[in-house]
Amino acid sequence: MIARVEGKLVAKDLDSLEVMTSGGVAYELTIPLSVYETLPRLGEDIALHTSLVVKEDSWQLFGFASVFEKRLFEKLLTANGVGPALAIGLLSALSANRLIRAIREKDIPTLQSVPRVG
């Protein structure tokens, strides 16, 4: 398991980024919007907590600013019908605390405001 990635930010987009480690390996990570909004400039140092999702046809690494967000992402994946794309979408549309509150309070309108949640 890859628990954390540290290095230089070498590329960024709204939903992904690349980190070049000191060992010369670049990792591509899928990220929620909350991470994108706090990214440093290209070439600056970055450290992200990660979750590796392995499927039969792909491996995908997800990056998070906090262990709390990472654990919430992993917990969401245990819910029936929630895959990595939907879990990242939920964390991009709602803050982690707001998402937890909406789930606990069964706030259906808030959850349905997220794309691909029906």
PDB file of N, CA and C in Angstrom:
ATOM      1  N   MET A   1       0.837  -1.177   0.000  1.00  0.00           N
ATOM      2  CA  MET A   1       0.000   0.000   0.000  1.00  0.00           C
ATOM      3  C   MET A   1       0.884   1.244   0.000  1.00  0.00           C
ATOM      4  N   ILE A   2       0.474   2.249  -0.705  1.00  0.00           N
ATOM      5  CA  ILE A   2       1.177   3.534  -0.730  1.00  0.00           C
ATOM      6  C   ILE A   2       0.373   4.476   0.161  1.00  0.00           C
ATOM      7  N   ALA A   3       0.887   4.791   1.342  1.00  0.00           N
ATOM      8  CA  ALA A   3       0.139   5.564   2.325  1.00  0.00           C
ATOM      9  C   ALA A   3       0.316   7.069   2.179  1.00  0.00           C
ATOM     10  N   ARG A   4       1.445   7.481   1.600  1.00  0.00           N
ATOM     11  CA  ARG A   4       1.738   8.917   1.515  1.00  0.00           C
ATOM     12  C   ARG A   4       2.716   9.137   0.374  1.00  0.00           C
ATOM     13  N   VAL A   5       2.551  10.266  -0.296  1.00  0.00           N
ATOM     14  CA  VAL A   5       3.471  10.645  -1.369  1.00  0.00           C
ATOM     15  C   VAL A   5       3.990  12.044  -1.063  1.00  0.00           C
ATOM     16  N   GLU A   6       5.316  12.198  -1.115  1.00  0.00           N
ATOM     17  CA  GLU A   6       5.955  13.497  -0.898  1.00  0.00           C
ATOM     18  C   GLU A   6       6.901  13.783  -2.042  1.00  0.00           C
ATOM     19  N   GLY A   7       6.951  15.041  -2.450  1.00  0.00           N
ATOM     20  CA  GLY A   7       7.862  15.432  -3.513  1.00  0.00           C
ATOM     21  C   GLY A   7       7.510  16.793  -4.064  1.00  0.00           C
ATOM     22  N   LYS A   8       7.883  17.018  -5.319  1.00  0.00           N
ATOM     23  CA  LYS A   8       7.610  18.285  -6.003  1.00  0.00           C
ATOM     24  C   LYS A   8       6.363  18.141  -6.864  1.00  0.00           C
ATOM     25  N   LEU A   9       5.508  19.142  -6.811  1.00  0.00           N
ATOM     26  CA  LEU A   9       4.327  19.169  -7.669  1.00  0.00           C
ATOM     27  C   LEU A   9       4.788  19.524  -9.079  1.00  0.00           C
ATOM     28  N   VAL A  10       4.588  18.605 -10.027  1.00  0.00           N
ATOM     29  CA  VAL A  10       5.077  18.840 -11.389  1.00  0.00           C
ATOM     30  C   VAL A  10       3.953  19.045 -12.400  1.00  0.00           C
ATOM     31  N   ALA A  11       2.724  18.695 -12.049  1.00  0.00           N
ATOM     32  CA  ALA A  11       1.578  18.927 -12.938  1.00  0.00           C
ATOM     33  C   ALA A  11       0.317  18.937 -12.092  1.00  0.00           C
ATOM     34  N   LYS A  12      -0.656  19.749 -12.506  1.00  0.00           N
ATOM     35  CA  LYS A  12      -1.920  19.762 -11.778  1.00  0.00           C
ATOM     36  C   LYS A  12      -3.068  20.098 -12.714  1.00  0.00           C
ATOM     37  N   ASP A  13      -4.208  19.521 -12.393  1.00  0.00           N
ATOM     38  CA  ASP A  13      -5.457  19.753 -13.095  1.00  0.00           C
ATOM     39  C   ASP A  13      -6.542  19.776 -12.022  1.00  0.00           C
ATOM     40  N   LEU A  14      -7.772  20.072 -12.410  1.00  0.00           N
ATOM     41  CA  LEU A  14      -8.845  20.148 -11.425  1.00  0.00           C
ATOM     42  C   LEU A  14      -9.063  18.843 -10.670  1.00  0.00           C
ATOM     43  N   ASP A  15      -8.789  17.721 -11.314  1.00  0.00           N
ATOM     44  CA  ASP A  15      -9.079  16.442 -10.664  1.00  0.00           C
ATOM     45  C   ASP A  15      -7.873  15.508 -10.540  1.00  0.00           C
ATOM     46  N   SER A  16      -6.695  15.991 -10.889  1.00  0.00           N
ATOM     47  CA  SER A  16      -5.513  15.138 -10.765  1.00  0.00           C
ATOM     48  C   SER A  16      -4.248  15.979 -10.673  1.00  0.00           C
ATOM     49  N   LEU A  17      -3.181  15.322 -10.268  1.00  0.00           N
ATOM     50  CA  LEU A  17      -1.884  15.991 -10.187  1.00  0.00           C
ATOM     51  C   LEU A  17      -0.792  14.949 -10.309  1.00  0.00           C
ATOM     52  N   GLU A  18       0.439  15.429 -10.499  1.00  0.00           N
ATOM     53  CA  GLU A  18       1.610  14.555 -10.520  1.00  0.00           C
ATOM     54  C   GLU A  18       2.622  15.070  -9.514  1.00  0.00           C
ATOM     55  N   VAL A  19       3.178  14.138  -8.753  1.00  0.00           N
ATOM     56  CA  VAL A  19       4.206  14.448  -7.761  1.00  0.00           C
ATOM     57  C   VAL A  19       5.468  13.680  -8.136  1.00  0.00           C
ATOM     58  N   MET A  20       6.591  14.401  -8.247  1.00  0.00           N
ATOM     59  CA  MET A  20       7.890  13.786  -8.525  1.00  0.00           C
ATOM     60  C   MET A  20       8.614  13.606  -7.196  1.00  0.00           C
ATOM     61  N   THR A  21       8.905  12.365  -6.851  1.00  0.00           N
ATOM     62  CA  THR A  21       9.590  12.089  -5.590  1.00  0.00           C
ATOM     63  C   THR A  21      11.091  12.330  -5.735  1.00  0.00           C
ATOM     64  N   SER A  22      11.778  12.378  -4.607  1.00  0.00           N
ATOM     65  CA  SER A  22      13.229  12.580  -4.639  1.00  0.00           C
ATOM     66  C   SER A  22      13.940  11.406  -5.306  1.00  0.00           C
ATOM     67  N   GLY A  23      13.291  10.259  -5.364  1.00  0.00           N
ATOM     68  CA  GLY A  23      13.864   9.090  -6.025  1.00  0.00           C
ATOM     69  C   GLY A  23      13.659   9.080  -7.528  1.00  0.00           C
ATOM     70  N   GLY A  24      13.000  10.117  -8.049  1.00  0.00           N
ATOM     71  CA  GLY A  24      12.806  10.222  -9.488  1.00  0.00           C
ATOM     72  C   GLY A  24      11.573   9.516 -10.029  1.00  0.00           C
ATOM     73  N   VAL A  25      10.682   9.095  -9.147  1.00  0.00           N
ATOM     74  CA  VAL A  25       9.439   8.452  -9.577  1.00  0.00           C
ATOM     75  C   VAL A  25       8.311   9.479  -9.500  1.00  0.00           C
ATOM     76  N   ALA A  26       7.549   9.605 -10.580  1.00  0.00           N
ATOM     77  CA  ALA A  26       6.405  10.521 -10.594  1.00  0.00           C
ATOM     78  C   ALA A  26       5.130   9.718 -10.379  1.00  0.00           C
ATOM     79  N   TYR A  27       4.313  10.168  -9.442  1.00  0.00           N
ATOM     80  CA  TYR A  27       3.030   9.527  -9.158  1.00  0.00           C
ATOM     81  C   TYR A  27       1.907  10.429  -9.644  1.00  0.00           C
ATOM     82  N   GLU A  28       0.935   9.827 -10.327  1.00  0.00           N
ATOM     83  CA  GLU A  28      -0.279  10.549 -10.708  1.00  0.00           C
ATOM     84  C   GLU A  28      -1.351  10.214  -9.679  1.00  0.00           C
ATOM     85  N   LEU A  29      -1.973  11.250  -9.134  1.00  0.00           N
ATOM     86  CA  LEU A  29      -3.004  11.063  -8.119  1.00  0.00           C
ATOM     87  C   LEU A  29      -4.290  11.741  -8.564  1.00  0.00           C
ATOM     88  N   THR A  30      -5.399  11.072  -8.345  1.00  0.00           N
ATOM     89  CA  THR A  30      -6.712  11.679  -8.527  1.00  0.00           C
ATOM     90  C   THR A  30      -7.052  12.357  -7.210  1.00  0.00           C
ATOM     91  N   ILE A  31      -7.580  13.581  -7.292  1.00  0.00           N
ATOM     92  CA  ILE A  31      -7.814  14.364  -6.079  1.00  0.00           C
ATOM     93  C   ILE A  31      -9.216  14.968  -6.078  1.00  0.00           C
ATOM     94  N   PRO A  32      -9.757  15.229  -4.885  1.00  0.00           N
ATOM     95  CA  PRO A  32     -11.000  15.991  -4.811  1.00  0.00           C
ATOM     96  C   PRO A  32     -10.700  17.479  -4.983  1.00  0.00           C
ATOM     97  N   LEU A  33     -11.718  18.236  -5.284  1.00  0.00           N
ATOM     98  CA  LEU A  33     -11.567  19.675  -5.495  1.00  0.00           C
ATOM     99  C   LEU A  33     -10.979  20.367  -4.264  1.00  0.00           C
ATOM    100  N   SER A  34     -11.280  19.856  -3.073  1.00  0.00           N
ATOM    101  CA  SER A  34     -10.749  20.466  -1.847  1.00  0.00           C
ATOM    102  C   SER A  34      -9.222  20.452  -1.826  1.00  0.00           C
ATOM    103  N   VAL A  35      -8.616  19.442  -2.412  1.00  0.00           N
ATOM    104  CA  VAL A  35      -7.150  19.387  -2.492  1.00  0.00           C
ATOM    105  C   VAL A  35      -6.652  20.366  -3.546  1.00  0.00           C
ATOM    106  N   TYR A  36      -7.300  20.392  -4.700  1.00  0.00           N
ATOM    107  CA  TYR A  36      -6.875  21.294  -5.778  1.00  0.00           C
ATOM    108  C   TYR A  36      -6.825  22.737  -5.287  1.00  0.00           C
ATOM    109  N   GLU A  37      -7.827  23.128  -4.503  1.00  0.00           N
ATOM    110  CA  GLU A  37      -7.925  24.516  -4.032  1.00  0.00           C
ATOM    111  C   GLU A  37      -6.787  24.911  -3.098  1.00  0.00           C
ATOM    112  N   THR A  38      -6.050  23.945  -2.567  1.00  0.00           N
ATOM    113  CA  THR A  38      -4.963  24.257  -1.629  1.00  0.00           C
ATOM    114  C   THR A  38      -3.583  23.902  -2.172  1.00  0.00           C
ATOM    115  N   LEU A  39      -3.503  23.558  -3.450  1.00  0.00           N
ATOM    116  CA  LEU A  39      -2.223  23.133  -4.020  1.00  0.00           C
ATOM    117  C   LEU A  39      -1.209  24.270  -4.072  1.00  0.00           C
ATOM    118  N   PRO A  40       0.060  23.928  -3.845  1.00  0.00           N
ATOM    119  CA  PRO A  40       1.118  24.925  -4.030  1.00  0.00           C
ATOM    120  C   PRO A  40       1.371  25.140  -5.521  1.00  0.00           C
ATOM    121  N   ARG A  41       2.286  26.026  -5.819  1.00  0.00           N
ATOM    122  CA  ARG A  41       2.667  26.255  -7.223  1.00  0.00           C
ATOM    123  C   ARG A  41       3.480  25.082  -7.747  1.00  0.00           C
ATOM    124  N   LEU A  42       3.489  24.953  -9.055  1.00  0.00           N
ATOM    125  CA  LEU A  42       4.308  23.912  -9.676  1.00  0.00           C
ATOM    126  C   LEU A  42       5.757  24.074  -9.237  1.00  0.00           C
ATOM    127  N   GLY A  43       6.416  22.973  -8.957  1.00  0.00           N
ATOM    128  CA  GLY A  43       7.806  22.994  -8.517  1.00  0.00           C
ATOM    129  C   GLY A  43       7.984  23.066  -7.016  1.00  0.00           C
ATOM    130  N   GLU A  44       6.908  23.362  -6.298  1.00  0.00           N
ATOM    131  CA  GLU A  44       7.001  23.433  -4.839  1.00  0.00           C
ATOM    132  C   GLU A  44       6.740  22.063  -4.214  1.00  0.00           C
ATOM    133  N   ASP A  45       7.157  21.933  -2.955  1.00  0.00           N
ATOM    134  CA  ASP A  45       6.975  20.675  -2.226  1.00  0.00           C
ATOM    135  C   ASP A  45       5.512  20.430  -1.898  1.00  0.00           C
ATOM    136  N   ILE A  46       5.151  19.142  -1.899  1.00  0.00           N
ATOM    137  CA  ILE A  46       3.792  18.735  -1.552  1.00  0.00           C
ATOM    138  C   ILE A  46       3.859  17.373  -0.877  1.00  0.00           C
ATOM    139  N   ALA A  47       2.956  17.139   0.047  1.00  0.00           N
ATOM    140  CA  ALA A  47       2.816  15.837   0.706  1.00  0.00           C
ATOM    141  C   ALA A  47       1.330  15.536   0.815  1.00  0.00           C
ATOM    142  N   LEU A  48       0.932  14.368   0.338  1.00  0.00           N
ATOM    143  CA  LEU A  48      -0.474  13.975   0.378  1.00  0.00           C
ATOM    144  C   LEU A  48      -0.615  12.567   0.935  1.00  0.00           C
ATOM    145  N   HIS A  49      -1.674  12.356   1.697  1.00  0.00           N
ATOM    146  CA  HIS A  49      -2.053  11.024   2.140  1.00  0.00           C
ATOM    147  C   HIS A  49      -2.724  10.351   0.950  1.00  0.00           C
ATOM    148  N   THR A  50      -2.499   9.062   0.790  1.00  0.00           N
ATOM    149  CA  THR A  50      -3.008   8.396  -0.405  1.00  0.00           C
ATOM    150  C   THR A  50      -3.790   7.129  -0.083  1.00  0.00           C
ATOM    151  N   SER A  51      -4.650   6.794  -1.029  1.00  0.00           N
ATOM    152  CA  SER A  51      -5.403   5.544  -0.985  1.00  0.00           C
ATOM    153  C   SER A  51      -5.292   4.910  -2.362  1.00  0.00           C
ATOM    154  N   LEU A  52      -4.855   3.676  -2.396  1.00  0.00           N
ATOM    155  CA  LEU A  52      -4.686   2.954  -3.654  1.00  0.00           C
ATOM    156  C   LEU A  52      -5.895   2.048  -3.877  1.00  0.00           C
ATOM    157  N   VAL A  53      -6.569   2.248  -5.006  1.00  0.00           N
ATOM    158  CA  VAL A  53      -7.721   1.415  -5.364  1.00  0.00           C
ATOM    159  C   VAL A  53      -7.285   0.499  -6.500  1.00  0.00           C
ATOM    160  N   VAL A  54      -7.330  -0.793  -6.234  1.00  0.00           N
ATOM    161  CA  VAL A  54      -6.913  -1.793  -7.217  1.00  0.00           C
ATOM    162  C   VAL A  54      -8.150  -2.503  -7.752  1.00  0.00           C
ATOM    163  N   LYS A  55      -8.300  -2.444  -9.066  1.00  0.00           N
ATOM    164  CA  LYS A  55      -9.373  -3.172  -9.744  1.00  0.00           C
ATOM    165  C   LYS A  55      -8.716  -4.161 -10.692  1.00  0.00           C
ATOM    166  N   GLU A  56      -9.503  -5.046 -11.258  1.00  0.00           N
ATOM    167  CA  GLU A  56      -8.897  -6.069 -12.113  1.00  0.00           C
ATOM    168  C   GLU A  56      -8.257  -5.474 -13.358  1.00  0.00           C
ATOM    169  N   ASP A  57      -8.703  -4.291 -13.790  1.00  0.00           N
ATOM    170  CA  ASP A  57      -8.138  -3.695 -15.004  1.00  0.00           C
ATOM    171  C   ASP A  57      -7.352  -2.407 -14.767  1.00  0.00           C
ATOM    172  N   SER A  58      -7.226  -1.963 -13.506  1.00  0.00           N
ATOM    173  CA  SER A  58      -6.496  -0.715 -13.261  1.00  0.00           C
ATOM    174  C   SER A  58      -6.105  -0.570 -11.793  1.00  0.00           C
ATOM    175  N   TRP A  59      -5.091   0.263 -11.583  1.00  0.00           N
ATOM    176  CA  TRP A  59      -4.692   0.706 -10.253  1.00  0.00           C
ATOM    177  C   TRP A  59      -4.807   2.222 -10.279  1.00  0.00           C
ATOM    178  N   GLN A  60      -5.443   2.802  -9.273  1.00  0.00           N
ATOM    179  CA  GLN A  60      -5.606   4.246  -9.241  1.00  0.00           C
ATOM    180  C   GLN A  60      -5.261   4.753  -7.848  1.00  0.00           C
ATOM    181  N   LEU A  61      -4.432   5.791  -7.813  1.00  0.00           N
ATOM    182  CA  LEU A  61      -3.977   6.377  -6.563  1.00  0.00           C
ATOM    183  C   LEU A  61      -4.733   7.682  -6.333  1.00  0.00           C
ATOM    184  N   PHE A  62      -5.308   7.827  -5.138  1.00  0.00           N
ATOM    185  CA  PHE A  62      -6.082   9.007  -4.778  1.00  0.00           C
ATOM    186  C   PHE A  62      -5.335   9.774  -3.696  1.00  0.00           C
ATOM    187  N   GLY A  63      -5.339  11.111  -3.789  1.00  0.00           N
ATOM    188  CA  GLY A  63      -4.600  11.936  -2.850  1.00  0.00           C
ATOM    189  C   GLY A  63      -5.501  12.824  -2.016  1.00  0.00           C
ATOM    190  N   PHE A  64      -5.124  12.991  -0.743  1.00  0.00           N
ATOM    191  CA  PHE A  64      -5.926  13.760   0.204  1.00  0.00           C
ATOM    192  C   PHE A  64      -5.027  14.612   1.089  1.00  0.00           C
ATOM    193  N   ALA A  65      -5.531  15.764   1.487  1.00  0.00           N
ATOM    194  CA  ALA A  65      -4.765  16.674   2.333  1.00  0.00           C
ATOM    195  C   ALA A  65      -4.688  16.176   3.776  1.00  0.00           C
ATOM    196  N   SER A  66      -5.676  15.390   4.198  1.00  0.00           N
ATOM    197  CA  SER A  66      -5.700  14.925   5.586  1.00  0.00           C
ATOM    198  C   SER A  66      -6.029  13.438   5.657  1.00  0.00           C
ATOM    199  N   VAL A  67      -5.623  12.829   6.753  1.00  0.00           N
ATOM    200  CA  VAL A  67      -5.967  11.433   6.999  1.00  0.00           C
ATOM    201  C   VAL A  67      -7.482  11.306   7.149  1.00  0.00           C
ATOM    202  N   PHE A  68      -8.112  12.315   7.717  1.00  0.00           N
ATOM    203  CA  PHE A  68      -9.568  12.325   7.895  1.00  0.00           C
ATOM    204  C   PHE A  68     -10.282  12.164   6.554  1.00  0.00           C
ATOM    205  N   GLU A  69      -9.892  12.968   5.554  1.00  0.00           N
ATOM    206  CA  GLU A  69     -10.500  12.855   4.220  1.00  0.00           C
ATOM    207  C   GLU A  69     -10.214  11.487   3.597  1.00  0.00           C
ATOM    208  N   LYS A  70      -9.002  11.009   3.764  1.00  0.00           N
ATOM    209  CA  LYS A  70      -8.628   9.695   3.223  1.00  0.00           C
ATOM    210  C   LYS A  70      -9.500   8.604   3.831  1.00  0.00           C
ATOM    211  N   ARG A  71      -9.651   8.610   5.138  1.00  0.00           N
ATOM    212  CA  ARG A  71     -10.458   7.587   5.815  1.00  0.00           C
ATOM    213  C   ARG A  71     -11.928   7.683   5.398  1.00  0.00           C
ATOM    214  N   LEU A  72     -12.430   8.898   5.225  1.00  0.00           N
ATOM    215  CA  LEU A  72     -13.811   9.067   4.780  1.00  0.00           C
ATOM    216  C   LEU A  72     -13.982   8.498   3.378  1.00  0.00           C
ATOM    217  N   PHE A  73     -13.045   8.778   2.485  1.00  0.00           N
ATOM    218  CA  PHE A  73     -13.075   8.218   1.130  1.00  0.00           C
ATOM    219  C   PHE A  73     -13.128   6.692   1.198  1.00  0.00           C
ATOM    220  N   GLU A  74     -12.262   6.105   1.994  1.00  0.00           N
ATOM    221  CA  GLU A  74     -12.220   4.645   2.103  1.00  0.00           C
ATOM    222  C   GLU A  74     -13.506   4.080   2.703  1.00  0.00           C
ATOM    223  N   LYS A  75     -14.096   4.796   3.642  1.00  0.00           N
ATOM    224  CA  LYS A  75     -15.370   4.368   4.231  1.00  0.00           C
ATOM    225  C   LYS A  75     -16.491   4.450   3.193  1.00  0.00           C
ATOM    226  N   LEU A  76     -16.491   5.513   2.386  1.00  0.00           N
ATOM    227  CA  LEU A  76     -17.506   5.649   1.336  1.00  0.00           C
ATOM    228  C   LEU A  76     -17.451   4.475   0.367  1.00  0.00           C
ATOM    229  N   LEU A  77     -16.254   3.990   0.080  1.00  0.00           N
ATOM    230  CA  LEU A  77     -16.098   2.875  -0.857  1.00  0.00           C
ATOM    231  C   LEU A  77     -16.740   1.586  -0.354  1.00  0.00           C
ATOM    232  N   THR A  78     -16.982   1.495   0.941  1.00  0.00           N
ATOM    233  CA  THR A  78     -17.613   0.290   1.487  1.00  0.00           C
ATOM    234  C   THR A  78     -19.130   0.317   1.324  1.00  0.00           C
ATOM    235  N   ALA A  79     -19.686   1.464   0.953  1.00  0.00           N
ATOM    236  CA  ALA A  79     -21.140   1.573   0.762  1.00  0.00           C
ATOM    237  C   ALA A  79     -21.545   0.952  -0.569  1.00  0.00           C
ATOM    238  N   ASN A  80     -22.664   0.291  -0.575  1.00  0.00           N
ATOM    239  CA  ASN A  80     -23.183  -0.349  -1.778  1.00  0.00           C
ATOM    240  C   ASN A  80     -23.386   0.680  -2.890  1.00  0.00           C
ATOM    241  N   GLY A  81     -22.804   0.431  -4.045  1.00  0.00           N
ATOM    242  CA  GLY A  81     -22.990   1.301  -5.205  1.00  0.00           C
ATOM    243  C   GLY A  81     -22.072   2.505  -5.270  1.00  0.00           C
ATOM    244  N   VAL A  82     -21.184   2.656  -4.294  1.00  0.00           N
ATOM    245  CA  VAL A  82     -20.265   3.803  -4.294  1.00  0.00           C
ATOM    246  C   VAL A  82     -18.883   3.329  -4.728  1.00  0.00           C
ATOM    247  N   GLY A  83     -18.458   3.822  -5.889  1.00  0.00           N
ATOM    248  CA  GLY A  83     -17.125   3.533  -6.384  1.00  0.00           C
ATOM    249  C   GLY A  83     -16.223   4.732  -6.177  1.00  0.00           C
ATOM    250  N   PRO A  84     -14.979   4.636  -6.606  1.00  0.00           N
ATOM    251  CA  PRO A  84     -14.027   5.732  -6.414  1.00  0.00           C
ATOM    252  C   PRO A  84     -14.464   7.052  -7.051  1.00  0.00           C
ATOM    253  N   ALA A  85     -15.036   7.004  -8.247  1.00  0.00           N
ATOM    254  CA  ALA A  85     -15.437   8.247  -8.918  1.00  0.00           C
ATOM    255  C   ALA A  85     -16.533   8.962  -8.136  1.00  0.00           C
ATOM    256  N   LEU A  86     -17.515   8.218  -7.654  1.00  0.00           N
ATOM    257  CA  LEU A  86     -18.590   8.833  -6.879  1.00  0.00           C
ATOM    258  C   LEU A  86     -18.071   9.335  -5.537  1.00  0.00           C
ATOM    259  N   ALA A  87     -17.205   8.571  -4.889  1.00  0.00           N
ATOM    260  CA  ALA A  87     -16.650   8.994  -3.600  1.00  0.00           C
ATOM    261  C   ALA A  87     -15.857  10.295  -3.746  1.00  0.00           C
ATOM    262  N   ILE A  88     -15.047  10.393  -4.796  1.00  0.00           N
ATOM    263  CA  ILE A  88     -14.301  11.639  -5.044  1.00  0.00           C
ATOM    264  C   ILE A  88     -15.266  12.769  -5.383  1.00  0.00           C
ATOM    265  N   GLY A  89     -16.306  12.467  -6.146  1.00  0.00           N
ATOM    266  CA  GLY A  89     -17.320  13.470  -6.474  1.00  0.00           C
ATOM    267  C   GLY A  89     -18.003  14.016  -5.236  1.00  0.00           C
ATOM    268  N   LEU A  90     -18.324  13.141  -4.303  1.00  0.00           N
ATOM    269  CA  LEU A  90     -18.942  13.577  -3.049  1.00  0.00           C
ATOM    270  C   LEU A  90     -18.000  14.488  -2.270  1.00  0.00           C
ATOM    271  N   LEU A  91     -16.720  14.105  -2.191  1.00  0.00           N
ATOM    272  CA  LEU A  91     -15.744  14.921  -1.462  1.00  0.00           C
ATOM    273  C   LEU A  91     -15.382  16.206  -2.199  1.00  0.00           C
ATOM    274  N   SER A  92     -15.637  16.250  -3.499  1.00  0.00           N
ATOM    275  CA  SER A  92     -15.398  17.479  -4.260  1.00  0.00           C
ATOM    276  C   SER A  92     -16.553  18.458  -4.096  1.00  0.00           C
ATOM    277  N   ALA A  93     -17.763  17.921  -3.956  1.00  0.00           N
ATOM    278  CA  ALA A  93     -18.950  18.773  -3.881  1.00  0.00           C
ATOM    279  C   ALA A  93     -19.247  19.246  -2.462  1.00  0.00           C
ATOM    280  N   LEU A  94     -18.904  18.431  -1.478  1.00  0.00           N
ATOM    281  CA  LEU A  94     -19.216  18.744  -0.081  1.00  0.00           C
ATOM    282  C   LEU A  94     -17.957  18.609   0.768  1.00  0.00           C
ATOM    283  N   SER A  95     -17.824  19.465   1.763  1.00  0.00           N
ATOM    284  CA  SER A  95     -16.705  19.291   2.691  1.00  0.00           C
ATOM    285  C   SER A  95     -16.898  17.968   3.423  1.00  0.00           C
ATOM    286  N   ALA A  96     -15.830  17.434   3.946  1.00  0.00           N
ATOM    287  CA  ALA A  96     -15.912  16.151   4.651  1.00  0.00           C
ATOM    288  C   ALA A  96     -16.913  16.223   5.799  1.00  0.00           C
ATOM    289  N   ASN A  97     -16.866  17.295   6.577  1.00  0.00           N
ATOM    290  CA  ASN A  97     -17.794  17.431   7.701  1.00  0.00           C
ATOM    291  C   ASN A  97     -19.238  17.551   7.236  1.00  0.00           C
ATOM    292  N   ARG A  98     -19.463  18.304   6.164  1.00  0.00           N
ATOM    293  CA  ARG A  98     -20.829  18.459   5.639  1.00  0.00           C
ATOM    294  C   ARG A  98     -21.337  17.137   5.087  1.00  0.00           C
ATOM    295  N   LEU A  99     -20.486  16.383   4.445  1.00  0.00           N
ATOM    296  CA  LEU A  99     -20.877  15.084   3.906  1.00  0.00           C
ATOM    297  C   LEU A  99     -21.262  14.127   5.033  1.00  0.00           C
ATOM    298  N   ILE A 100     -20.470  14.079   6.077  1.00  0.00           N
ATOM    299  CA  ILE A 100     -20.786  13.220   7.222  1.00  0.00           C
ATOM    300  C   ILE A 100     -22.116  13.631   7.838  1.00  0.00           C
ATOM    301  N   ARG A 101     -22.316  14.929   8.004  1.00  0.00           N
ATOM    302  CA  ARG A 101     -23.572  15.427   8.573  1.00  0.00           C
ATOM    303  C   ARG A 101     -24.758  15.026   7.702  1.00  0.00           C
ATOM    304  N   ALA A 102     -24.619  15.171   6.385  1.00  0.00           N
ATOM    305  CA  ALA A 102     -25.710  14.824   5.465  1.00  0.00           C
ATOM    306  C   ALA A 102     -26.035  13.333   5.544  1.00  0.00           C
ATOM    307  N   ILE A 103     -25.025  12.510   5.663  1.00  0.00           N
ATOM    308  CA  ILE A 103     -25.254  11.062   5.769  1.00  0.00           C
ATOM    309  C   ILE A 103     -25.923  10.724   7.097  1.00  0.00           C
ATOM    310  N   ARG A 104     -25.402  11.267   8.180  1.00  0.00           N
ATOM    311  CA  ARG A 104     -25.971  10.979   9.510  1.00  0.00           C
ATOM    312  C   ARG A 104     -27.411  11.454   9.640  1.00  0.00           C
ATOM    313  N   GLU A 105     -27.685  12.644   9.072  1.00  0.00           N
ATOM    314  CA  GLU A 105     -29.028  13.223   9.180  1.00  0.00           C
ATOM    315  C   GLU A 105     -29.957  12.755   8.066  1.00  0.00           C
ATOM    316  N   LYS A 106     -29.440  11.882   7.190  1.00  0.00           N
ATOM    317  CA  LYS A 106     -30.210  11.403   6.035  1.00  0.00           C
ATOM    318  C   LYS A 106     -30.778  12.576   5.237  1.00  0.00           C
ATOM    319  N   ASP A 107     -29.912  13.557   5.001  1.00  0.00           N
ATOM    320  CA  ASP A 107     -30.262  14.769   4.259  1.00  0.00           C
ATOM    321  C   ASP A 107     -30.210  14.465   2.759  1.00  0.00           C
ATOM    322  N   ILE A 108     -31.272  13.870   2.262  1.00  0.00           N
ATOM    323  CA  ILE A 108     -31.338  13.423   0.871  1.00  0.00           C
ATOM    324  C   ILE A 108     -31.157  14.576  -0.119  1.00  0.00           C
ATOM    325  N   PRO A 109     -31.806  15.737   0.065  1.00  0.00           N
ATOM    326  CA  PRO A 109     -31.607  16.826  -0.907  1.00  0.00           C
ATOM    327  C   PRO A 109     -30.145  17.252  -1.047  1.00  0.00           C
ATOM    328  N   THR A 110     -29.416  17.308   0.062  1.00  0.00           N
ATOM    329  CA  THR A 110     -27.999  17.677  -0.011  1.00  0.00           C
ATOM    330  C   THR A 110     -27.214  16.622  -0.775  1.00  0.00           C
ATOM    331  N   LEU A 111     -27.456  15.365  -0.473  1.00  0.00           N
ATOM    332  CA  LEU A 111     -26.746  14.288  -1.166  1.00  0.00           C
ATOM    333  C   LEU A 111     -27.106  14.250  -2.646  1.00  0.00           C
ATOM    334  N   GLN A 112     -28.378  14.488  -2.973  1.00  0.00           N
ATOM    335  CA  GLN A 112     -28.804  14.464  -4.374  1.00  0.00           C
ATOM    336  C   GLN A 112     -28.314  15.676  -5.157  1.00  0.00           C
ATOM    337  N   SER A 113     -27.816  16.690  -4.458  1.00  0.00           N
ATOM    338  CA  SER A 113     -27.267  17.860  -5.155  1.00  0.00           C
ATOM    339  C   SER A 113     -25.919  17.543  -5.801  1.00  0.00           C
ATOM    340  N   VAL A 114     -25.336  16.423  -5.426  1.00  0.00           N
ATOM    341  CA  VAL A 114     -24.050  15.998  -5.981  1.00  0.00           C
ATOM    342  C   VAL A 114     -24.296  15.257  -7.296  1.00  0.00           C
ATOM    343  N   PRO A 115     -23.585  15.630  -8.363  1.00  0.00           N
ATOM    344  CA  PRO A 115     -23.759  14.918  -9.637  1.00  0.00           C
ATOM    345  C   PRO A 115     -23.564  13.410  -9.485  1.00  0.00           C
ATOM    346  N   ARG A 116     -24.391  12.647 -10.172  1.00  0.00           N
ATOM    347  CA  ARG A 116     -24.391  11.177 -10.206  1.00  0.00           C
ATOM    348  C   ARG A 116     -24.954  10.527  -8.952  1.00  0.00           C
ATOM    349  N   VAL A 117     -25.513  11.331  -8.040  1.00  0.00           N
ATOM    350  CA  VAL A 117     -26.209  10.749  -6.893  1.00  0.00           C
ATOM    351  C   VAL A 117     -27.692  10.862  -7.189  1.00  0.00           C
ATOM    352  N   GLY A 118     -28.385   9.750  -7.181  1.00  0.00           N
ATOM    353  CA  GLY A 118     -29.805   9.775  -7.540  1.00  0.00           C
ATOM    354  C   GLY A 118     -30.612   9.363  -6.399  1.00  0.00           C
TER     355      GLY A 118
END
